[in-house]
Amino acid sequence: MHAAVAGLDDDRAGRLIFQLAESFRQSGRWENARDCYEFLLMRTPQHASSEAALPKRTFVAPVKPLPVMTTVV
């Protein structure tokens, strides 16, 4: 990821990193998404997307509901 944004200004880098993080999040690649959000905050802390990334970097994967257990009497 570092190489992908190396030559970009902060605005473009911030947008690219955030879009990548969102793509990872939407496809269920939680660790990759978290890494991107953290990189965004480190690389471009003043970018507009950084504020949106703050709460997302600590999310966890959605919890699947447990199957309903029934007791047969």
PDB file of N, CA and C in Angstrom:
ATOM      1  N   MET A   1       0.826  -1.188   0.000  1.00  0.00           N
ATOM      2  CA  MET A   1       0.000   0.000   0.000  1.00  0.00           C
ATOM      3  C   MET A   1       0.870   1.251   0.000  1.00  0.00           C
ATOM      4  N   HIS A   2       1.978   1.187   0.699  1.00  0.00           N
ATOM      5  CA  HIS A   2       2.874   2.339   0.737  1.00  0.00           C
ATOM      6  C   HIS A   2       3.298   2.751  -0.669  1.00  0.00           C
ATOM      7  N   ALA A   3       3.641   1.765  -1.482  1.00  0.00           N
ATOM      8  CA  ALA A   3       4.094   2.046  -2.842  1.00  0.00           C
ATOM      9  C   ALA A   3       2.971   2.628  -3.694  1.00  0.00           C
ATOM     10  N   ALA A   4       1.739   2.196  -3.448  1.00  0.00           N
ATOM     11  CA  ALA A   4       0.608   2.646  -4.257  1.00  0.00           C
ATOM     12  C   ALA A   4       0.323   4.133  -4.082  1.00  0.00           C
ATOM     13  N   VAL A   5       0.646   4.683  -2.928  1.00  0.00           N
ATOM     14  CA  VAL A   5       0.349   6.097  -2.663  1.00  0.00           C
ATOM     15  C   VAL A   5       1.606   6.955  -2.549  1.00  0.00           C
ATOM     16  N   ALA A   6       2.749   6.359  -2.822  1.00  0.00           N
ATOM     17  CA  ALA A   6       4.022   7.068  -2.636  1.00  0.00           C
ATOM     18  C   ALA A   6       4.101   8.391  -3.391  1.00  0.00           C
ATOM     19  N   GLY A   7       3.650   8.445  -4.614  1.00  0.00           N
ATOM     20  CA  GLY A   7       3.771   9.660  -5.405  1.00  0.00           C
ATOM     21  C   GLY A   7       2.552  10.566  -5.380  1.00  0.00           C
ATOM     22  N   LEU A   8       1.558  10.200  -4.593  1.00  0.00           N
ATOM     23  CA  LEU A   8       0.313  10.972  -4.574  1.00  0.00           C
ATOM     24  C   LEU A   8       0.335  12.074  -3.516  1.00  0.00           C
ATOM     25  N   ASP A   9      -0.393  13.160  -3.803  1.00  0.00           N
ATOM     26  CA  ASP A   9      -0.534  14.193  -2.784  1.00  0.00           C
ATOM     27  C   ASP A   9      -1.468  13.654  -1.696  1.00  0.00           C
ATOM     28  N   ASP A  10      -1.532  14.333  -0.559  1.00  0.00           N
ATOM     29  CA  ASP A  10      -2.309  13.842   0.576  1.00  0.00           C
ATOM     30  C   ASP A  10      -3.784  13.642   0.250  1.00  0.00           C
ATOM     31  N   ASP A  11      -4.370  14.524  -0.546  1.00  0.00           N
ATOM     32  CA  ASP A  11      -5.789  14.391  -0.861  1.00  0.00           C
ATOM     33  C   ASP A  11      -6.055  13.123  -1.657  1.00  0.00           C
ATOM     34  N   ARG A  12      -5.298  12.914  -2.704  1.00  0.00           N
ATOM     35  CA  ARG A  12      -5.493  11.713  -3.526  1.00  0.00           C
ATOM     36  C   ARG A  12      -5.167  10.446  -2.749  1.00  0.00           C
ATOM     37  N   ALA A  13      -4.088  10.489  -1.979  1.00  0.00           N
ATOM     38  CA  ALA A  13      -3.706   9.319  -1.177  1.00  0.00           C
ATOM     39  C   ALA A  13      -4.803   8.985  -0.179  1.00  0.00           C
ATOM     40  N   GLY A  14      -5.330   9.984   0.494  1.00  0.00           N
ATOM     41  CA  GLY A  14      -6.392   9.759   1.469  1.00  0.00           C
ATOM     42  C   GLY A  14      -7.626   9.144   0.847  1.00  0.00           C
ATOM     43  N   ARG A  15      -8.037   9.656  -0.298  1.00  0.00           N
ATOM     44  CA  ARG A  15      -9.217   9.109  -0.976  1.00  0.00           C
ATOM     45  C   ARG A  15      -8.990   7.664  -1.417  1.00  0.00           C
ATOM     46  N   LEU A  16      -7.812   7.389  -1.967  1.00  0.00           N
ATOM     47  CA  LEU A  16      -7.504   6.041  -2.434  1.00  0.00           C
ATOM     48  C   LEU A  16      -7.469   5.044  -1.270  1.00  0.00           C
ATOM     49  N   ILE A  17      -6.812   5.400  -0.198  1.00  0.00           N
ATOM     50  CA  ILE A  17      -6.708   4.497   0.954  1.00  0.00           C
ATOM     51  C   ILE A  17      -8.090   4.234   1.548  1.00  0.00           C
ATOM     52  N   PHE A  18      -8.902   5.277   1.675  1.00  0.00           N
ATOM     53  CA  PHE A  18     -10.234   5.107   2.247  1.00  0.00           C
ATOM     54  C   PHE A  18     -11.102   4.225   1.347  1.00  0.00           C
ATOM     55  N   GLN A  19     -11.037   4.435   0.041  1.00  0.00           N
ATOM     56  CA  GLN A  19     -11.812   3.605  -0.886  1.00  0.00           C
ATOM     57  C   GLN A  19     -11.380   2.143  -0.802  1.00  0.00           C
ATOM     58  N   LEU A  20     -10.094   1.928  -0.677  1.00  0.00           N
ATOM     59  CA  LEU A  20      -9.589   0.560  -0.554  1.00  0.00           C
ATOM     60  C   LEU A  20     -10.081  -0.070   0.749  1.00  0.00           C
ATOM     61  N   ALA A  21     -10.016   0.684   1.828  1.00  0.00           N
ATOM     62  CA  ALA A  21     -10.493   0.180   3.124  1.00  0.00           C
ATOM     63  C   ALA A  21     -11.970  -0.176   3.061  1.00  0.00           C
ATOM     64  N   GLU A  22     -12.762   0.690   2.455  1.00  0.00           N
ATOM     65  CA  GLU A  22     -14.200   0.434   2.331  1.00  0.00           C
ATOM     66  C   GLU A  22     -14.470  -0.803   1.483  1.00  0.00           C
ATOM     67  N   SER A  23     -13.700  -0.983   0.439  1.00  0.00           N
ATOM     68  CA  SER A  23     -13.853  -2.162  -0.412  1.00  0.00           C
ATOM     69  C   SER A  23     -13.548  -3.438   0.372  1.00  0.00           C
ATOM     70  N   PHE A  24     -12.474  -3.412   1.143  1.00  0.00           N
ATOM     71  CA  PHE A  24     -12.136  -4.565   1.983  1.00  0.00           C
ATOM     72  C   PHE A  24     -13.252  -4.827   3.000  1.00  0.00           C
ATOM     73  N   ARG A  25     -13.757  -3.780   3.625  1.00  0.00           N
ATOM     74  CA  ARG A  25     -14.806  -3.927   4.642  1.00  0.00           C
ATOM     75  C   ARG A  25     -16.065  -4.540   4.030  1.00  0.00           C
ATOM     76  N   GLN A  26     -16.461  -4.039   2.883  1.00  0.00           N
ATOM     77  CA  GLN A  26     -17.686  -4.525   2.242  1.00  0.00           C
ATOM     78  C   GLN A  26     -17.571  -5.972   1.762  1.00  0.00           C
ATOM     79  N   SER A  27     -16.340  -6.402   1.499  1.00  0.00           N
ATOM     80  CA  SER A  27     -16.157  -7.784   1.047  1.00  0.00           C
ATOM     81  C   SER A  27     -15.807  -8.732   2.196  1.00  0.00           C
ATOM     82  N   GLY A  28     -15.850  -8.215   3.427  1.00  0.00           N
ATOM     83  CA  GLY A  28     -15.612  -9.064   4.586  1.00  0.00           C
ATOM     84  C   GLY A  28     -14.155  -9.296   4.935  1.00  0.00           C
ATOM     85  N   ARG A  29     -13.276  -8.553   4.339  1.00  0.00           N
ATOM     86  CA  ARG A  29     -11.836  -8.688   4.635  1.00  0.00           C
ATOM     87  C   ARG A  29     -11.482  -7.694   5.735  1.00  0.00           C
ATOM     88  N   TRP A  30     -11.944  -8.018   6.947  1.00  0.00           N
ATOM     89  CA  TRP A  30     -11.907  -7.108   8.095  1.00  0.00           C
ATOM     90  C   TRP A  30     -10.507  -6.647   8.474  1.00  0.00           C
ATOM     91  N   GLU A  31      -9.552  -7.573   8.521  1.00  0.00           N
ATOM     92  CA  GLU A  31      -8.190  -7.196   8.923  1.00  0.00           C
ATOM     93  C   GLU A  31      -7.548  -6.260   7.912  1.00  0.00           C
ATOM     94  N   ASN A  32      -7.765  -6.532   6.626  1.00  0.00           N
ATOM     95  CA  ASN A  32      -7.231  -5.652   5.589  1.00  0.00           C
ATOM     96  C   ASN A  32      -7.848  -4.262   5.690  1.00  0.00           C
ATOM     97  N   ALA A  33      -9.146  -4.223   5.942  1.00  0.00           N
ATOM     98  CA  ALA A  33      -9.837  -2.940   6.088  1.00  0.00           C
ATOM     99  C   ALA A  33      -9.263  -2.164   7.266  1.00  0.00           C
ATOM    100  N   ARG A  34      -9.115  -2.835   8.403  1.00  0.00           N
ATOM    101  CA  ARG A  34      -8.563  -2.173   9.585  1.00  0.00           C
ATOM    102  C   ARG A  34      -7.161  -1.635   9.305  1.00  0.00           C
ATOM    103  N   ASP A  35      -6.340  -2.424   8.633  1.00  0.00           N
ATOM    104  CA  ASP A  35      -4.984  -1.982   8.302  1.00  0.00           C
ATOM    105  C   ASP A  35      -5.014  -0.729   7.429  1.00  0.00           C
ATOM    106  N   CYS A  36      -5.930  -0.682   6.471  1.00  0.00           N
ATOM    107  CA  CYS A  36      -6.043   0.491   5.602  1.00  0.00           C
ATOM    108  C   CYS A  36      -6.494   1.719   6.391  1.00  0.00           C
ATOM    109  N   TYR A  37      -7.503   1.549   7.253  1.00  0.00           N
ATOM    110  CA  TYR A  37      -7.962   2.678   8.060  1.00  0.00           C
ATOM    111  C   TYR A  37      -6.829   3.215   8.934  1.00  0.00           C
ATOM    112  N   GLU A  38      -6.059   2.314   9.537  1.00  0.00           N
ATOM    113  CA  GLU A  38      -4.944   2.741  10.380  1.00  0.00           C
ATOM    114  C   GLU A  38      -3.860   3.441   9.554  1.00  0.00           C
ATOM    115  N   PHE A  39      -3.601   2.917   8.360  1.00  0.00           N
ATOM    116  CA  PHE A  39      -2.616   3.545   7.483  1.00  0.00           C
ATOM    117  C   PHE A  39      -3.086   4.940   7.066  1.00  0.00           C
ATOM    118  N   LEU A  40      -4.366   5.065   6.762  1.00  0.00           N
ATOM    119  CA  LEU A  40      -4.934   6.365   6.416  1.00  0.00           C
ATOM    120  C   LEU A  40      -4.716   7.364   7.544  1.00  0.00           C
ATOM    121  N   LEU A  41      -4.987   6.945   8.766  1.00  0.00           N
ATOM    122  CA  LEU A  41      -4.826   7.837   9.913  1.00  0.00           C
ATOM    123  C   LEU A  41      -3.365   8.208  10.144  1.00  0.00           C
ATOM    124  N   MET A  42      -2.472   7.292   9.843  1.00  0.00           N
ATOM    125  CA  MET A  42      -1.045   7.570  10.002  1.00  0.00           C
ATOM    126  C   MET A  42      -0.523   8.447   8.858  1.00  0.00           C
ATOM    127  N   ARG A  43      -0.915   8.126   7.631  1.00  0.00           N
ATOM    128  CA  ARG A  43      -0.383   8.800   6.436  1.00  0.00           C
ATOM    129  C   ARG A  43      -0.977  10.192   6.233  1.00  0.00           C
ATOM    130  N   THR A  44      -2.280  10.326   6.436  1.00  0.00           N
ATOM    131  CA  THR A  44      -2.957  11.599   6.185  1.00  0.00           C
ATOM    132  C   THR A  44      -3.954  11.913   7.304  1.00  0.00           C
ATOM    133  N   PRO A  45      -3.462  12.191   8.505  1.00  0.00           N
ATOM    134  CA  PRO A  45      -4.361  12.398   9.647  1.00  0.00           C
ATOM    135  C   PRO A  45      -5.317  13.577   9.487  1.00  0.00           C
ATOM    136  N   GLN A  46      -4.981  14.565   8.664  1.00  0.00           N
ATOM    137  CA  GLN A  46      -5.837  15.735   8.482  1.00  0.00           C
ATOM    138  C   GLN A  46      -6.825  15.588   7.329  1.00  0.00           C
ATOM    139  N   HIS A  47      -6.768  14.462   6.630  1.00  0.00           N
ATOM    140  CA  HIS A  47      -7.656  14.251   5.483  1.00  0.00           C
ATOM    141  C   HIS A  47      -9.097  14.105   5.959  1.00  0.00           C
ATOM    142  N   ALA A  48     -10.039  14.553   5.151  1.00  0.00           N
ATOM    143  CA  ALA A  48     -11.459  14.481   5.509  1.00  0.00           C
ATOM    144  C   ALA A  48     -11.909  13.048   5.795  1.00  0.00           C
ATOM    145  N   SER A  49     -11.366  12.083   5.095  1.00  0.00           N
ATOM    146  CA  SER A  49     -11.753  10.682   5.307  1.00  0.00           C
ATOM    147  C   SER A  49     -11.212  10.111   6.604  1.00  0.00           C
ATOM    148  N   SER A  50     -10.204  10.749   7.171  1.00  0.00           N
ATOM    149  CA  SER A  50      -9.624  10.244   8.413  1.00  0.00           C
ATOM    150  C   SER A  50     -10.627  10.272   9.553  1.00  0.00           C
ATOM    151  N   GLU A  51     -11.462  11.277   9.586  1.00  0.00           N
ATOM    152  CA  GLU A  51     -12.479  11.352  10.638  1.00  0.00           C
ATOM    153  C   GLU A  51     -13.452  10.174  10.521  1.00  0.00           C
ATOM    154  N   ALA A  52     -13.823   9.822   9.305  1.00  0.00           N
ATOM    155  CA  ALA A  52     -14.724   8.688   9.091  1.00  0.00           C
ATOM    156  C   ALA A  52     -14.034   7.362   9.400  1.00  0.00           C
ATOM    157  N   ALA A  53     -12.716   7.325   9.263  1.00  0.00           N
ATOM    158  CA  ALA A  53     -11.968   6.088   9.503  1.00  0.00           C
ATOM    159  C   ALA A  53     -11.783   5.796  10.989  1.00  0.00           C
ATOM    160  N   LEU A  54     -11.807   6.820  11.819  1.00  0.00           N
ATOM    161  CA  LEU A  54     -11.556   6.614  13.257  1.00  0.00           C
ATOM    162  C   LEU A  54     -12.427   5.530  13.881  1.00  0.00           C
ATOM    163  N   PRO A  55     -13.734   5.611  13.813  1.00  0.00           N
ATOM    164  CA  PRO A  55     -14.530   4.554  14.447  1.00  0.00           C
ATOM    165  C   PRO A  55     -14.467   3.215  13.716  1.00  0.00           C
ATOM    166  N   LYS A  56     -14.146   3.239  12.446  1.00  0.00           N
ATOM    167  CA  LYS A  56     -14.147   2.006  11.659  1.00  0.00           C
ATOM    168  C   LYS A  56     -12.919   1.143  11.909  1.00  0.00           C
ATOM    169  N   ARG A  57     -11.858   1.728  12.406  1.00  0.00           N
ATOM    170  CA  ARG A  57     -10.635   0.942  12.581  1.00  0.00           C
ATOM    171  C   ARG A  57     -10.725  -0.034  13.736  1.00  0.00           C
ATOM    172  N   THR A  58     -11.710   0.142  14.599  1.00  0.00           N
ATOM    173  CA  THR A  58     -11.834  -0.753  15.746  1.00  0.00           C
ATOM    174  C   THR A  58     -13.016  -1.699  15.634  1.00  0.00           C
ATOM    175  N   PHE A  59     -13.655  -1.711  14.469  1.00  0.00           N
ATOM    176  CA  PHE A  59     -14.810  -2.582  14.327  1.00  0.00           C
ATOM    177  C   PHE A  59     -14.380  -4.039  14.293  1.00  0.00           C
ATOM    178  N   VAL A  60     -15.331  -4.885  14.539  1.00  0.00           N
ATOM    179  CA  VAL A  60     -15.094  -6.323  14.420  1.00  0.00           C
ATOM    180  C   VAL A  60     -16.071  -6.863  13.384  1.00  0.00           C
ATOM    181  N   ALA A  61     -15.800  -8.050  12.927  1.00  0.00           N
ATOM    182  CA  ALA A  61     -16.682  -8.677  11.936  1.00  0.00           C
ATOM    183  C   ALA A  61     -18.074  -8.837  12.533  1.00  0.00           C
ATOM    184  N   PRO A  62     -19.079  -8.693  11.704  1.00  0.00           N
ATOM    185  CA  PRO A  62     -20.441  -8.883  12.210  1.00  0.00           C
ATOM    186  C   PRO A  62     -20.605 -10.263  12.838  1.00  0.00           C
ATOM    187  N   VAL A  63     -21.345 -10.297  13.895  1.00  0.00           N
ATOM    188  CA  VAL A  63     -21.572 -11.550  14.599  1.00  0.00           C
ATOM    189  C   VAL A  63     -22.762 -12.266  13.955  1.00  0.00           C
ATOM    190  N   LYS A  64     -22.540 -13.518  13.625  1.00  0.00           N
ATOM    191  CA  LYS A  64     -23.631 -14.310  13.060  1.00  0.00           C
ATOM    192  C   LYS A  64     -24.523 -14.763  14.208  1.00  0.00           C
ATOM    193  N   PRO A  65     -25.830 -14.722  13.997  1.00  0.00           N
ATOM    194  CA  PRO A  65     -26.720 -15.170  15.076  1.00  0.00           C
ATOM    195  C   PRO A  65     -26.536 -16.661  15.342  1.00  0.00           C
ATOM    196  N   LEU A  66     -26.664 -17.023  16.598  1.00  0.00           N
ATOM    197  CA  LEU A  66     -26.560 -18.439  16.968  1.00  0.00           C
ATOM    198  C   LEU A  66     -27.838 -19.156  16.549  1.00  0.00           C
ATOM    199  N   PRO A  67     -27.710 -20.420  16.221  1.00  0.00           N
ATOM    200  CA  PRO A  67     -28.929 -21.153  15.865  1.00  0.00           C
ATOM    201  C   PRO A  67     -29.836 -21.278  17.087  1.00  0.00           C
ATOM    202  N   VAL A  68     -31.104 -21.288  16.826  1.00  0.00           N
ATOM    203  CA  VAL A  68     -32.083 -21.405  17.905  1.00  0.00           C
ATOM    204  C   VAL A  68     -32.127 -22.859  18.357  1.00  0.00           C
ATOM    205  N   MET A  69     -31.960 -23.040  19.645  1.00  0.00           N
ATOM    206  CA  MET A  69     -31.980 -24.383  20.197  1.00  0.00           C
ATOM    207  C   MET A  69     -33.371 -24.663  20.758  1.00  0.00           C
ATOM    208  N   THR A  70     -33.905 -25.770  20.418  1.00  0.00           N
ATOM    209  CA  THR A  70     -35.220 -26.142  20.944  1.00  0.00           C
ATOM    210  C   THR A  70     -35.070 -27.408  21.785  1.00  0.00           C
ATOM    211  N   THR A  71     -35.882 -27.479  22.778  1.00  0.00           N
ATOM    212  CA  THR A  71     -35.870 -28.650  23.645  1.00  0.00           C
ATOM    213  C   THR A  71     -37.091 -29.492  23.326  1.00  0.00           C
ATOM    214  N   VAL A  72     -36.858 -30.745  23.070  1.00  0.00           N
ATOM    215  CA  VAL A  72     -37.959 -31.649  22.783  1.00  0.00           C
ATOM    216  C   VAL A  72     -38.349 -32.300  24.101  1.00  0.00           C
ATOM    217  N   VAL A  73     -39.601 -32.203  24.442  1.00  0.00           N
ATOM    218  CA  VAL A  73     -40.079 -32.743  25.722  1.00  0.00           C
ATOM    219  C   VAL A  73     -40.862 -33.990  25.491  1.00  0.00           C
TER     220      VAL A  73
END
